């Protein structure tokens, strides 16, 4: 689905702020009948526009108050090498986001850790052990101002 009408945009915007809203309340919020709202919702899900639903957890309360962004440089720029690096990085539980990027480095990953010693173990034992990774540069978040904000729906 490449274009959305105002009602689709309203549904998507509302769901981003409250993914657990009951259909009847969602329908009321977007001025649809519950059955019409559910049909549109199912279409957005089937088209892959709504990728899924999940709980957002509080990192601090889980003891994961340290956020680190790591830029990785890899050797052997090939599709096979990239696939191996991607698979290895996404298998590390502390990696909460991973991007293939342009510029001086090749990957940008976000790590959630509980402490500097924990991050050191993740870096030395897991990240630097990934085949083809030749350099890692870490940047530590001092404070999170906005994270996983809603996407603009056009």
N, C-alpha and C. Protein backbone atom coordinates (compact mmCIF):
# COMPACT_ATOMS: atom_id res chain seq x y z
N UNK A 1 0.86 -1.18 0.00
CA UNK A 1 0.00 0.00 0.00
C UNK A 1 0.90 1.23 0.00
N UNK A 2 0.80 2.05 -1.01
CA UNK A 2 1.71 3.18 -1.12
C UNK A 2 1.08 4.50 -0.72
N UNK A 3 -0.21 4.60 -0.75
CA UNK A 3 -0.85 5.85 -0.34
C UNK A 3 -1.96 5.52 0.65
N UNK A 4 -2.17 6.45 1.53
CA UNK A 4 -3.17 6.27 2.58
C UNK A 4 -4.13 7.43 2.54
N UNK A 5 -5.37 7.15 2.88
CA UNK A 5 -6.30 8.26 3.00
C UNK A 5 -6.23 8.78 4.44
N UNK A 6 -6.99 9.81 4.71
CA UNK A 6 -6.95 10.45 6.03
C UNK A 6 -7.33 9.47 7.14
N UNK A 7 -8.25 8.56 6.86
CA UNK A 7 -8.67 7.59 7.88
C UNK A 7 -7.56 6.60 8.19
N UNK A 8 -6.88 6.10 7.15
CA UNK A 8 -5.74 5.20 7.38
C UNK A 8 -4.67 5.90 8.21
N UNK A 9 -4.37 7.15 7.87
CA UNK A 9 -3.37 7.91 8.61
C UNK A 9 -3.79 8.09 10.05
N UNK A 10 -5.05 8.35 10.27
CA UNK A 10 -5.55 8.52 11.65
C UNK A 10 -5.43 7.22 12.44
N UNK A 11 -5.74 6.09 11.80
CA UNK A 11 -5.61 4.79 12.47
C UNK A 11 -4.16 4.53 12.84
N UNK A 12 -3.25 4.74 11.88
CA UNK A 12 -1.83 4.48 12.12
C UNK A 12 -1.26 5.41 13.19
N UNK A 13 -1.65 6.67 13.15
CA UNK A 13 -1.16 7.63 14.14
C UNK A 13 -1.64 7.24 15.54
N UNK A 14 -2.90 6.90 15.64
CA UNK A 14 -3.46 6.54 16.95
C UNK A 14 -2.83 5.25 17.49
N UNK A 15 -2.63 4.25 16.63
CA UNK A 15 -2.03 2.99 17.08
C UNK A 15 -0.60 3.17 17.55
N UNK A 16 0.12 4.13 16.97
CA UNK A 16 1.49 4.36 17.43
C UNK A 16 1.54 4.91 18.84
N UNK A 17 0.50 5.62 19.25
CA UNK A 17 0.48 6.14 20.61
C UNK A 17 -0.16 5.17 21.59
N UNK A 18 -1.00 4.26 21.10
CA UNK A 18 -1.65 3.28 21.97
C UNK A 18 -1.97 2.02 21.16
N UNK A 19 -1.03 1.10 21.11
CA UNK A 19 -1.20 -0.12 20.34
C UNK A 19 -2.21 -1.09 20.93
N UNK A 20 -2.63 -0.86 22.17
CA UNK A 20 -3.58 -1.75 22.83
C UNK A 20 -5.00 -1.18 22.86
N UNK A 21 -5.23 -0.12 22.13
CA UNK A 21 -6.55 0.49 22.14
C UNK A 21 -7.58 -0.52 21.61
N UNK A 22 -8.69 -0.68 22.31
CA UNK A 22 -9.73 -1.58 21.80
C UNK A 22 -10.29 -1.05 20.47
N UNK A 23 -10.68 -1.96 19.61
CA UNK A 23 -11.18 -1.57 18.29
C UNK A 23 -12.35 -0.60 18.38
N UNK A 24 -13.21 -0.78 19.33
CA UNK A 24 -14.37 0.11 19.43
C UNK A 24 -13.94 1.54 19.73
N UNK A 25 -12.90 1.70 20.56
CA UNK A 25 -12.39 3.04 20.86
C UNK A 25 -11.62 3.62 19.66
N UNK A 26 -10.88 2.76 18.98
CA UNK A 26 -10.17 3.20 17.79
C UNK A 26 -11.16 3.67 16.73
N UNK A 27 -12.21 2.88 16.53
CA UNK A 27 -13.24 3.24 15.55
C UNK A 27 -13.86 4.59 15.88
N UNK A 28 -14.16 4.79 17.14
CA UNK A 28 -14.73 6.06 17.57
C UNK A 28 -13.75 7.21 17.33
N UNK A 29 -12.47 6.98 17.61
CA UNK A 29 -11.46 8.03 17.45
C UNK A 29 -11.27 8.44 15.99
N UNK A 30 -11.50 7.51 15.07
CA UNK A 30 -11.29 7.82 13.65
C UNK A 30 -12.61 7.95 12.88
N UNK A 31 -13.72 7.98 13.61
CA UNK A 31 -15.05 8.19 13.02
C UNK A 31 -15.45 7.11 12.03
N UNK A 32 -15.29 5.85 12.43
CA UNK A 32 -15.73 4.70 11.64
C UNK A 32 -16.59 3.80 12.51
N UNK A 33 -17.33 2.93 11.85
CA UNK A 33 -18.01 1.88 12.60
C UNK A 33 -16.95 0.87 13.02
N UNK A 34 -17.18 0.13 14.10
CA UNK A 34 -16.18 -0.86 14.53
C UNK A 34 -15.84 -1.88 13.44
N UNK A 35 -16.83 -2.33 12.67
CA UNK A 35 -16.54 -3.33 11.64
C UNK A 35 -15.70 -2.74 10.51
N UNK A 36 -15.99 -1.50 10.10
CA UNK A 36 -15.20 -0.85 9.04
C UNK A 36 -13.78 -0.58 9.53
N UNK A 37 -13.65 -0.20 10.77
CA UNK A 37 -12.33 0.06 11.35
C UNK A 37 -11.51 -1.22 11.38
N UNK A 38 -12.14 -2.32 11.81
CA UNK A 38 -11.44 -3.60 11.88
C UNK A 38 -11.00 -4.06 10.48
N UNK A 39 -11.85 -3.86 9.48
CA UNK A 39 -11.47 -4.22 8.10
C UNK A 39 -10.24 -3.43 7.66
N UNK A 40 -10.23 -2.13 7.91
CA UNK A 40 -9.08 -1.31 7.53
C UNK A 40 -7.82 -1.73 8.30
N UNK A 41 -8.00 -2.01 9.57
CA UNK A 41 -6.88 -2.45 10.40
C UNK A 41 -6.29 -3.75 9.86
N UNK A 42 -7.13 -4.70 9.54
CA UNK A 42 -6.66 -5.98 9.00
C UNK A 42 -5.95 -5.79 7.66
N UNK A 43 -6.46 -4.89 6.83
CA UNK A 43 -5.81 -4.61 5.54
C UNK A 43 -4.42 -4.01 5.77
N UNK A 44 -4.31 -3.07 6.71
CA UNK A 44 -3.01 -2.47 7.02
C UNK A 44 -2.04 -3.53 7.55
N UNK A 45 -2.54 -4.47 8.32
CA UNK A 45 -1.70 -5.57 8.82
C UNK A 45 -1.28 -6.49 7.67
N UNK A 46 -2.24 -6.90 6.84
CA UNK A 46 -1.94 -7.81 5.74
C UNK A 46 -0.99 -7.19 4.72
N UNK A 47 -1.09 -5.87 4.51
CA UNK A 47 -0.21 -5.18 3.57
C UNK A 47 1.18 -4.95 4.17
N UNK A 48 1.35 -5.29 5.45
CA UNK A 48 2.65 -5.13 6.08
C UNK A 48 2.95 -3.73 6.56
N UNK A 49 1.97 -2.83 6.47
CA UNK A 49 2.17 -1.47 6.96
C UNK A 49 2.30 -1.51 8.48
N UNK A 50 1.46 -2.28 9.13
CA UNK A 50 1.59 -2.53 10.56
C UNK A 50 2.42 -3.81 10.67
N UNK A 51 3.66 -3.64 11.11
CA UNK A 51 4.62 -4.75 11.14
C UNK A 51 4.43 -5.66 12.35
N UNK A 52 3.76 -5.19 13.39
CA UNK A 52 3.55 -6.02 14.56
C UNK A 52 3.18 -5.16 15.76
N UNK A 53 2.97 -5.82 16.86
CA UNK A 53 2.63 -5.16 18.12
C UNK A 53 3.57 -5.70 19.19
N UNK A 54 4.00 -4.83 20.09
CA UNK A 54 4.88 -5.28 21.15
C UNK A 54 4.81 -4.32 22.33
N UNK A 55 5.29 -4.80 23.46
CA UNK A 55 5.36 -3.96 24.65
C UNK A 55 6.68 -3.19 24.62
N UNK A 56 6.63 -1.93 25.00
CA UNK A 56 7.86 -1.14 25.13
C UNK A 56 8.29 -1.21 26.59
N UNK A 57 9.49 -1.71 26.81
CA UNK A 57 9.99 -1.92 28.17
C UNK A 57 10.88 -0.76 28.61
N UNK A 58 10.92 -0.53 29.91
CA UNK A 58 11.75 0.53 30.48
C UNK A 58 13.15 -0.02 30.74
N UNK A 59 14.12 0.47 30.01
CA UNK A 59 15.49 -0.04 30.14
C UNK A 59 16.04 0.14 31.54
N UNK A 60 15.81 1.30 32.13
CA UNK A 60 16.32 1.57 33.49
C UNK A 60 15.80 0.55 34.49
N UNK A 61 14.51 0.28 34.44
CA UNK A 61 13.91 -0.66 35.40
C UNK A 61 14.38 -2.09 35.17
N UNK A 62 14.86 -2.37 33.95
CA UNK A 62 15.41 -3.70 33.65
C UNK A 62 16.90 -3.78 33.92
N UNK A 63 17.48 -2.69 34.43
CA UNK A 63 18.91 -2.67 34.71
C UNK A 63 19.75 -2.52 33.46
N UNK A 64 19.19 -1.91 32.42
CA UNK A 64 19.91 -1.71 31.15
C UNK A 64 19.99 -0.22 30.84
N UNK A 65 20.47 0.55 31.79
CA UNK A 65 20.47 2.00 31.67
C UNK A 65 21.58 2.59 30.81
N UNK A 66 22.48 1.75 30.31
CA UNK A 66 23.58 2.25 29.49
C UNK A 66 23.28 1.98 28.02
N UNK A 67 23.23 3.04 27.21
CA UNK A 67 22.99 2.91 25.78
C UNK A 67 24.27 3.31 25.06
N UNK A 68 24.73 2.42 24.18
CA UNK A 68 25.97 2.64 23.45
C UNK A 68 25.69 2.49 21.96
N UNK A 69 26.21 3.43 21.18
CA UNK A 69 26.15 3.35 19.73
C UNK A 69 27.55 2.97 19.27
N UNK A 70 27.64 1.93 18.46
CA UNK A 70 28.94 1.44 18.03
C UNK A 70 28.99 1.45 16.51
N UNK A 71 29.99 2.14 15.98
CA UNK A 71 30.23 2.13 14.54
C UNK A 71 31.25 1.04 14.25
N UNK A 72 30.92 0.17 13.32
CA UNK A 72 31.79 -0.95 12.99
C UNK A 72 32.32 -0.83 11.57
N UNK A 73 33.57 -1.13 11.42
CA UNK A 73 34.18 -1.22 10.10
C UNK A 73 34.46 -2.69 9.85
N UNK A 74 34.16 -3.13 8.64
CA UNK A 74 34.37 -4.54 8.29
C UNK A 74 35.31 -4.64 7.10
N UNK A 75 35.95 -5.80 7.00
CA UNK A 75 36.81 -6.08 5.84
C UNK A 75 36.04 -6.97 4.89
N UNK A 76 36.48 -7.03 3.66
CA UNK A 76 35.83 -7.92 2.71
C UNK A 76 34.44 -7.49 2.36
N UNK A 77 34.31 -6.34 1.72
CA UNK A 77 32.99 -5.81 1.37
C UNK A 77 32.35 -6.65 0.25
N UNK A 78 31.58 -7.60 0.67
CA UNK A 78 30.84 -8.43 -0.28
C UNK A 78 29.49 -8.73 0.31
N UNK A 79 28.60 -9.22 -0.53
CA UNK A 79 27.27 -9.58 -0.04
C UNK A 79 27.38 -10.69 1.01
N UNK A 80 28.24 -11.65 0.77
CA UNK A 80 28.42 -12.77 1.71
C UNK A 80 28.94 -12.27 3.06
N UNK A 81 29.95 -11.39 3.03
CA UNK A 81 30.50 -10.86 4.28
C UNK A 81 29.44 -10.07 5.04
N UNK A 82 28.70 -9.23 4.33
CA UNK A 82 27.66 -8.43 4.96
C UNK A 82 26.60 -9.32 5.60
N UNK A 83 26.21 -10.37 4.90
CA UNK A 83 25.20 -11.30 5.43
C UNK A 83 25.71 -11.97 6.69
N UNK A 84 26.97 -12.36 6.71
CA UNK A 84 27.56 -13.00 7.90
C UNK A 84 27.60 -12.04 9.08
N UNK A 85 28.02 -10.81 8.82
CA UNK A 85 28.08 -9.81 9.89
C UNK A 85 26.69 -9.52 10.43
N UNK A 86 25.74 -9.33 9.53
CA UNK A 86 24.36 -9.05 9.96
C UNK A 86 23.81 -10.17 10.82
N UNK A 87 24.00 -11.40 10.41
CA UNK A 87 23.50 -12.55 11.17
C UNK A 87 24.15 -12.62 12.54
N UNK A 88 25.45 -12.39 12.60
CA UNK A 88 26.15 -12.46 13.88
C UNK A 88 25.73 -11.34 14.82
N UNK A 89 25.58 -10.12 14.30
CA UNK A 89 25.20 -8.99 15.14
C UNK A 89 23.77 -9.14 15.66
N UNK A 90 22.86 -9.56 14.81
CA UNK A 90 21.47 -9.67 15.26
C UNK A 90 21.27 -10.84 16.22
N UNK A 91 22.23 -11.74 16.30
CA UNK A 91 22.15 -12.85 17.26
C UNK A 91 22.62 -12.45 18.65
N UNK A 92 23.23 -11.28 18.78
CA UNK A 92 23.70 -10.80 20.09
C UNK A 92 22.52 -10.13 20.79
N UNK A 93 22.07 -10.66 21.93
CA UNK A 93 20.88 -10.09 22.59
C UNK A 93 21.00 -8.62 22.96
N UNK A 94 22.19 -8.15 23.29
CA UNK A 94 22.36 -6.75 23.68
C UNK A 94 22.24 -5.79 22.52
N UNK A 95 22.32 -6.27 21.28
CA UNK A 95 22.15 -5.42 20.10
C UNK A 95 20.66 -5.21 19.90
N UNK A 96 20.22 -3.97 20.13
CA UNK A 96 18.79 -3.67 20.02
C UNK A 96 18.42 -3.00 18.70
N UNK A 97 19.44 -2.55 17.95
CA UNK A 97 19.22 -1.98 16.62
C UNK A 97 20.51 -2.15 15.82
N UNK A 98 20.35 -2.36 14.52
CA UNK A 98 21.52 -2.58 13.66
C UNK A 98 21.21 -1.98 12.29
N UNK A 99 22.15 -1.16 11.80
CA UNK A 99 21.96 -0.49 10.52
C UNK A 99 23.21 -0.68 9.65
N UNK A 100 23.01 -0.92 8.38
CA UNK A 100 24.08 -0.85 7.39
C UNK A 100 24.11 0.61 6.95
N UNK A 101 25.27 1.26 7.07
CA UNK A 101 25.33 2.70 6.82
C UNK A 101 26.38 3.04 5.76
N UNK A 102 26.32 4.26 5.28
CA UNK A 102 27.33 4.76 4.36
C UNK A 102 28.30 5.62 5.14
N UNK A 103 29.45 5.87 4.57
CA UNK A 103 30.44 6.71 5.24
C UNK A 103 31.70 5.94 5.57
N UNK A 104 32.41 6.41 6.57
CA UNK A 104 33.69 5.81 6.95
C UNK A 104 33.54 4.44 7.59
N UNK A 105 32.40 4.19 8.22
CA UNK A 105 32.16 2.88 8.83
C UNK A 105 31.03 2.19 8.07
N UNK A 106 30.83 0.92 8.38
CA UNK A 106 29.90 0.11 7.61
C UNK A 106 28.59 -0.20 8.33
N UNK A 107 28.65 -0.38 9.64
CA UNK A 107 27.47 -0.71 10.44
C UNK A 107 27.39 0.23 11.62
N UNK A 108 26.17 0.51 12.04
CA UNK A 108 25.92 1.23 13.28
C UNK A 108 24.99 0.35 14.09
N UNK A 109 25.42 0.03 15.30
CA UNK A 109 24.58 -0.79 16.17
C UNK A 109 24.29 -0.04 17.46
N UNK A 110 23.17 -0.34 18.06
CA UNK A 110 22.80 0.21 19.35
C UNK A 110 22.80 -0.95 20.35
N UNK A 111 23.49 -0.73 21.46
CA UNK A 111 23.63 -1.73 22.50
C UNK A 111 22.92 -1.25 23.76
N UNK A 112 22.21 -2.13 24.42
CA UNK A 112 21.64 -1.85 25.74
C UNK A 112 22.40 -2.72 26.74
N UNK A 113 23.03 -2.06 27.72
CA UNK A 113 23.83 -2.78 28.71
C UNK A 113 23.57 -2.22 30.09
N UNK A 114 23.96 -2.97 31.09
CA UNK A 114 23.74 -2.55 32.47
C UNK A 114 24.89 -1.78 33.08
N UNK A 115 26.09 -1.95 32.53
CA UNK A 115 27.27 -1.31 33.12
C UNK A 115 28.40 -1.29 32.11
N UNK A 116 29.44 -0.52 32.41
CA UNK A 116 30.61 -0.51 31.55
C UNK A 116 31.31 -1.86 31.50
N UNK A 117 31.49 -2.56 32.64
CA UNK A 117 32.10 -3.89 32.54
C UNK A 117 31.27 -4.86 31.69
N UNK A 118 29.96 -4.76 31.78
CA UNK A 118 29.11 -5.61 30.95
C UNK A 118 29.31 -5.28 29.48
N UNK A 119 29.35 -3.97 29.16
CA UNK A 119 29.58 -3.58 27.77
C UNK A 119 30.95 -4.05 27.30
N UNK A 120 31.95 -3.96 28.14
CA UNK A 120 33.29 -4.42 27.75
C UNK A 120 33.26 -5.90 27.36
N UNK A 121 32.55 -6.70 28.14
CA UNK A 121 32.43 -8.13 27.81
C UNK A 121 31.70 -8.33 26.48
N UNK A 122 30.63 -7.58 26.26
CA UNK A 122 29.89 -7.68 25.00
C UNK A 122 30.80 -7.30 23.83
N UNK A 123 31.53 -6.19 23.99
CA UNK A 123 32.41 -5.72 22.92
C UNK A 123 33.52 -6.73 22.62
N UNK A 124 34.23 -7.14 23.65
CA UNK A 124 35.39 -8.01 23.45
C UNK A 124 35.00 -9.44 23.07
N UNK A 125 33.99 -9.98 23.75
CA UNK A 125 33.65 -11.39 23.55
C UNK A 125 32.69 -11.65 22.41
N UNK A 126 31.89 -10.66 22.04
CA UNK A 126 30.87 -10.91 21.04
C UNK A 126 31.04 -10.05 19.77
N UNK A 127 31.11 -8.74 19.94
CA UNK A 127 31.15 -7.87 18.76
C UNK A 127 32.46 -8.02 18.00
N UNK A 128 33.58 -7.92 18.70
CA UNK A 128 34.87 -8.03 18.03
C UNK A 128 35.19 -9.45 17.59
N UNK A 129 34.40 -10.41 18.06
CA UNK A 129 34.56 -11.80 17.62
C UNK A 129 33.81 -12.09 16.32
N UNK A 130 33.01 -11.13 15.87
CA UNK A 130 32.26 -11.32 14.62
C UNK A 130 33.25 -11.33 13.45
N UNK A 131 33.19 -12.35 12.60
CA UNK A 131 34.08 -12.38 11.43
C UNK A 131 33.93 -11.11 10.59
N UNK A 132 35.03 -10.61 10.08
CA UNK A 132 35.10 -9.44 9.21
C UNK A 132 35.09 -8.11 9.96
N UNK A 133 34.75 -8.07 11.26
CA UNK A 133 34.77 -6.81 12.00
C UNK A 133 36.23 -6.49 12.33
N UNK A 134 36.68 -5.31 11.87
CA UNK A 134 38.08 -4.94 12.08
C UNK A 134 38.24 -3.71 12.97
N UNK A 135 37.16 -2.97 13.23
CA UNK A 135 37.26 -1.78 14.06
C UNK A 135 35.90 -1.49 14.67
N UNK A 136 35.92 -1.02 15.91
CA UNK A 136 34.68 -0.63 16.60
C UNK A 136 34.93 0.68 17.32
N UNK A 137 34.03 1.62 17.13
CA UNK A 137 34.13 2.93 17.78
C UNK A 137 32.83 3.18 18.54
N UNK A 138 32.97 3.36 19.85
CA UNK A 138 31.80 3.46 20.72
C UNK A 138 31.50 4.90 21.11
N UNK A 139 30.22 5.21 21.15
CA UNK A 139 29.73 6.48 21.65
C UNK A 139 28.64 6.17 22.67
N UNK A 140 28.76 6.78 23.86
CA UNK A 140 27.82 6.49 24.94
C UNK A 140 26.77 7.59 25.03
N UNK A 141 25.52 7.19 25.15
CA UNK A 141 24.44 8.15 25.33
C UNK A 141 24.47 8.63 26.77
N UNK A 142 24.45 9.92 26.96
CA UNK A 142 24.41 10.49 28.31
C UNK A 142 22.98 10.46 28.84
N UNK A 143 22.05 10.80 27.96
CA UNK A 143 20.63 10.80 28.34
C UNK A 143 19.82 10.59 27.08
N UNK A 144 18.75 9.81 27.17
CA UNK A 144 17.86 9.61 26.03
C UNK A 144 16.78 10.67 26.09
N UNK A 145 16.66 11.41 25.01
CA UNK A 145 15.67 12.48 24.94
C UNK A 145 14.42 11.98 24.22
N UNK A 146 14.62 11.26 23.13
CA UNK A 146 13.50 10.68 22.39
C UNK A 146 13.98 9.38 21.78
N UNK A 147 13.18 8.36 21.94
CA UNK A 147 13.53 7.04 21.42
C UNK A 147 12.28 6.39 20.85
N UNK A 148 12.43 5.79 19.70
CA UNK A 148 11.32 5.09 19.07
C UNK A 148 10.06 5.94 19.00
N UNK A 149 10.23 7.16 18.57
CA UNK A 149 9.08 8.04 18.41
C UNK A 149 8.17 7.58 17.31
N UNK A 150 6.97 8.08 17.26
CA UNK A 150 6.05 7.69 16.20
C UNK A 150 6.57 8.16 14.84
N UNK A 151 6.30 7.37 13.81
CA UNK A 151 6.68 7.73 12.46
C UNK A 151 5.67 8.73 11.89
N UNK A 152 6.15 9.68 11.09
CA UNK A 152 5.20 10.59 10.44
C UNK A 152 4.45 9.82 9.37
N UNK A 153 3.15 9.87 9.39
CA UNK A 153 2.33 9.13 8.44
C UNK A 153 1.80 10.11 7.41
N UNK A 154 2.26 9.95 6.17
CA UNK A 154 1.87 10.86 5.07
C UNK A 154 0.89 10.17 4.15
